C-alpha atoms as a PDB file:
ATOM      1  CA  MET A   1     -67.895  15.865 129.572  1.00  0.00           C
ATOM      2  CA  GLY A   2     -69.171  19.298 128.619  1.00  0.00           C
ATOM      3  CA  LYS A   3     -68.377  22.792 129.770  1.00  0.00           C
ATOM      4  CA  GLY A   4     -65.308  23.242 131.922  1.00  0.00           C
ATOM      5  CA  ARG A   5     -63.710  19.944 130.982  1.00  0.00           C
ATOM      6  CA  ASN A   6     -59.954  19.916 130.649  1.00  0.00           C
ATOM      7  CA  TRP A   7     -59.258  18.097 127.421  1.00  0.00           C
ATOM      8  CA  THR A   8     -55.887  16.411 127.037  1.00  0.00           C
ATOM      9  CA  ALA A   9     -53.830  16.974 123.920  1.00  0.00           C
ATOM     10  CA  GLU A  10     -54.550  13.362 122.972  1.00  0.00           C
ATOM     11  CA  ASP A  11     -58.315  13.878 123.344  1.00  0.00           C
ATOM     12  CA  LYS A  12     -58.211  16.981 121.167  1.00  0.00           C
ATOM     13  CA  ALA A  13     -56.202  15.189 118.485  1.00  0.00           C
ATOM     14  CA  LYS A  14     -58.633  12.256 118.403  1.00  0.00           C
ATOM     15  CA  ILE A  15     -61.605  14.613 118.122  1.00  0.00           C
ATOM     16  CA  VAL A  16     -60.020  16.658 115.336  1.00  0.00           C
ATOM     17  CA  LEU A  17     -58.978  13.542 113.424  1.00  0.00           C
ATOM     18  CA  GLN A  18     -62.572  12.332 113.358  1.00  0.00           C
ATOM     19  CA  GLY A  19     -63.530  15.489 111.467  1.00  0.00           C
ATOM     20  CA  LEU A  20     -60.523  15.271 109.165  1.00  0.00           C
ATOM     21  CA  LYS A  21     -61.533  11.711 108.308  1.00  0.00           C
ATOM     22  CA  GLY A  22     -64.924  12.956 107.128  1.00  0.00           C
ATOM     23  CA  ARG A  23     -67.239  12.682 110.111  1.00  0.00           C
ATOM     24  CA  ALA A  24     -69.703  15.580 110.362  1.00  0.00           C
ATOM     25  CA  VAL A  25     -68.399  18.294 112.681  1.00  0.00           C
ATOM     26  CA  SER A  26     -71.885  18.853 114.132  1.00  0.00           C
ATOM     27  CA  GLU A  27     -72.052  15.157 115.041  1.00  0.00           C
ATOM     28  CA  ILE A  28     -68.628  15.254 116.712  1.00  0.00           C
ATOM     29  CA  CYS A  29     -69.509  18.396 118.658  1.00  0.00           C
ATOM     30  CA  ASN A  30     -72.797  16.914 119.856  1.00  0.00           C
ATOM     31  CA  GLU A  31     -71.069  13.745 121.019  1.00  0.00           C
ATOM     32  CA  TYR A  32     -68.327  15.555 122.941  1.00  0.00           C
ATOM     33  CA  GLN A  33     -70.521  18.503 123.980  1.00  0.00           C
ATOM     34  CA  ILE A  34     -68.216  21.150 122.525  1.00  0.00           C
ATOM     35  CA  HIS A  35     -68.994  24.165 120.375  1.00  0.00           C
ATOM     36  CA  GLN A  36     -68.099  24.053 116.706  1.00  0.00           C
ATOM     37  CA  THR A  37     -65.893  27.132 117.198  1.00  0.00           C
ATOM     38  CA  GLN A  38     -63.895  25.093 119.730  1.00  0.00           C
ATOM     39  CA  TYR A  39     -63.534  22.243 117.256  1.00  0.00           C
ATOM     40  CA  TYR A  40     -62.316  24.576 114.509  1.00  0.00           C
ATOM     41  CA  LYS A  41     -59.847  26.237 116.898  1.00  0.00           C
ATOM     42  CA  TRP A  42     -58.392  22.841 117.797  1.00  0.00           C
ATOM     43  CA  ARG A  43     -58.313  21.834 114.135  1.00  0.00           C
ATOM     44  CA  GLU A  44     -56.394  24.995 113.249  1.00  0.00           C
ATOM     45  CA  GLN A  45     -53.854  24.327 116.015  1.00  0.00           C
ATOM     46  CA  PHE A  46     -53.559  20.716 114.888  1.00  0.00           C
ATOM     47  CA  LEU A  47     -52.938  21.610 111.245  1.00  0.00           C
ATOM     48  CA  GLU A  48     -50.427  24.348 112.130  1.00  0.00           C
ATOM     49  CA  ASN A  49     -48.370  21.893 114.169  1.00  0.00           C
ATOM     50  CA  ILE A  50     -48.229  18.993 111.722  1.00  0.00           C
ATOM     51  CA  PRO A  51     -44.685  19.886 110.517  1.00  0.00           C
ATOM     52  CA  LYS A  52     -43.372  19.344 114.064  1.00  0.00           C
ATOM     53  CA  VAL A  53     -44.070  15.626 113.674  1.00  0.00           C
ATOM     54  CA  PHE A  54     -41.188  15.459 111.204  1.00  0.00           C
ATOM     55  CA  GLU A  55     -38.708  17.356 113.391  1.00  0.00           C
ATOM     56  CA  THR A  56     -37.850  14.389 115.608  1.00  0.00           C
ATOM     57  CA  LYS A  57     -34.360  13.931 114.144  1.00  0.00           C
ATOM     58  CA  SER A  58     -33.345  17.521 114.817  1.00  0.00           C
ATOM     59  CA  GLN A  59     -34.816  17.233 118.304  1.00  0.00           C
ATOM     60  CA  SER A  60     -32.773  14.100 118.946  1.00  0.00           C
ATOM     61  CA  LYS A  61     -29.576  15.801 117.747  1.00  0.00           C
ATOM     62  CA  LYS A  62     -30.312  18.795 119.963  1.00  0.00           C
ATOM     63  CA  GLU A  63     -30.907  16.502 122.937  1.00  0.00           C
ATOM     64  CA  GLU A  64     -27.655  14.630 122.229  1.00  0.00           C
ATOM     65  CA  ARG A  65     -25.729  17.907 122.071  1.00  0.00           C
ATOM     66  CA  LEU A  66     -27.264  19.109 125.333  1.00  0.00           C
ATOM     67  CA  GLU A  67     -26.495  15.768 127.000  1.00  0.00           C
ATOM     68  CA  ARG A  68     -22.825  15.994 125.928  1.00  0.00           C
ATOM     69  CA  GLU A  69     -22.638  19.591 127.188  1.00  0.00           C
ATOM     70  CA  ASN A  70     -24.262  18.563 130.478  1.00  0.00           C
ATOM     71  CA  GLN A  71     -21.740  15.742 130.938  1.00  0.00           C
ATOM     72  CA  ARG A  72     -18.824  18.064 130.135  1.00  0.00           C
ATOM     73  CA  LEU A  73     -20.037  20.596 132.715  1.00  0.00           C
ATOM     74  CA  LYS A  74     -20.498  17.888 135.352  1.00  0.00           C
ATOM     75  CA  THR A  75     -16.915  16.752 134.740  1.00  0.00           C
ATOM     76  CA  MET A  76     -15.646  20.322 135.112  1.00  0.00           C
ATOM     77  CA  VAL A  77     -17.560  20.775 138.389  1.00  0.00           C
ATOM     78  CA  GLY A  78     -16.099  17.514 139.695  1.00  0.00           C
ATOM     79  CA  GLU A  79     -12.554  18.551 138.771  1.00  0.00           C
ATOM     80  CA  LEU A  80     -13.009  21.972 140.396  1.00  0.00           C
ATOM     81  CA  HIS A  81     -14.383  20.326 143.542  1.00  0.00           C
ATOM     82  CA  LEU A  82     -11.354  18.013 143.757  1.00  0.00           C
ATOM     83  CA  GLU A  83      -8.990  20.938 143.196  1.00  0.00           C
ATOM     84  CA  LEU A  84     -10.640  22.941 145.999  1.00  0.00           C
ATOM     85  CA  LYS A  85     -10.440  19.953 148.380  1.00  0.00           C
ATOM     86  CA  LYS A  86      -6.757  19.448 147.497  1.00  0.00           C
ATOM     87  CA  ASN A  87      -6.023  23.095 148.287  1.00  0.00           C
ATOM     88  CA  ASP A  88      -7.777  22.785 151.667  1.00  0.00           C
ATOM     89  CA  TRP A  89      -5.193  20.259 152.867  1.00  0.00           C
END
């Protein structure tokens, strides 16, 4: 579990949350075999990204807009394809 381990985002979040809930950072670091500087780096990243949790609505609207645009473009490509085939006759 120590050096060289590739921690998933979920793992990092769980580790950071333990410290935020009051568990001693030294205890957490000993358990997961990470340096305290690593823990504090992850904690900083975690805290900086908290506002993104509340952006889901704007993300959904953006995805809806992109989906509509994608569908419109697919329709245009289909119409152009049919037009080219018609002209080949």
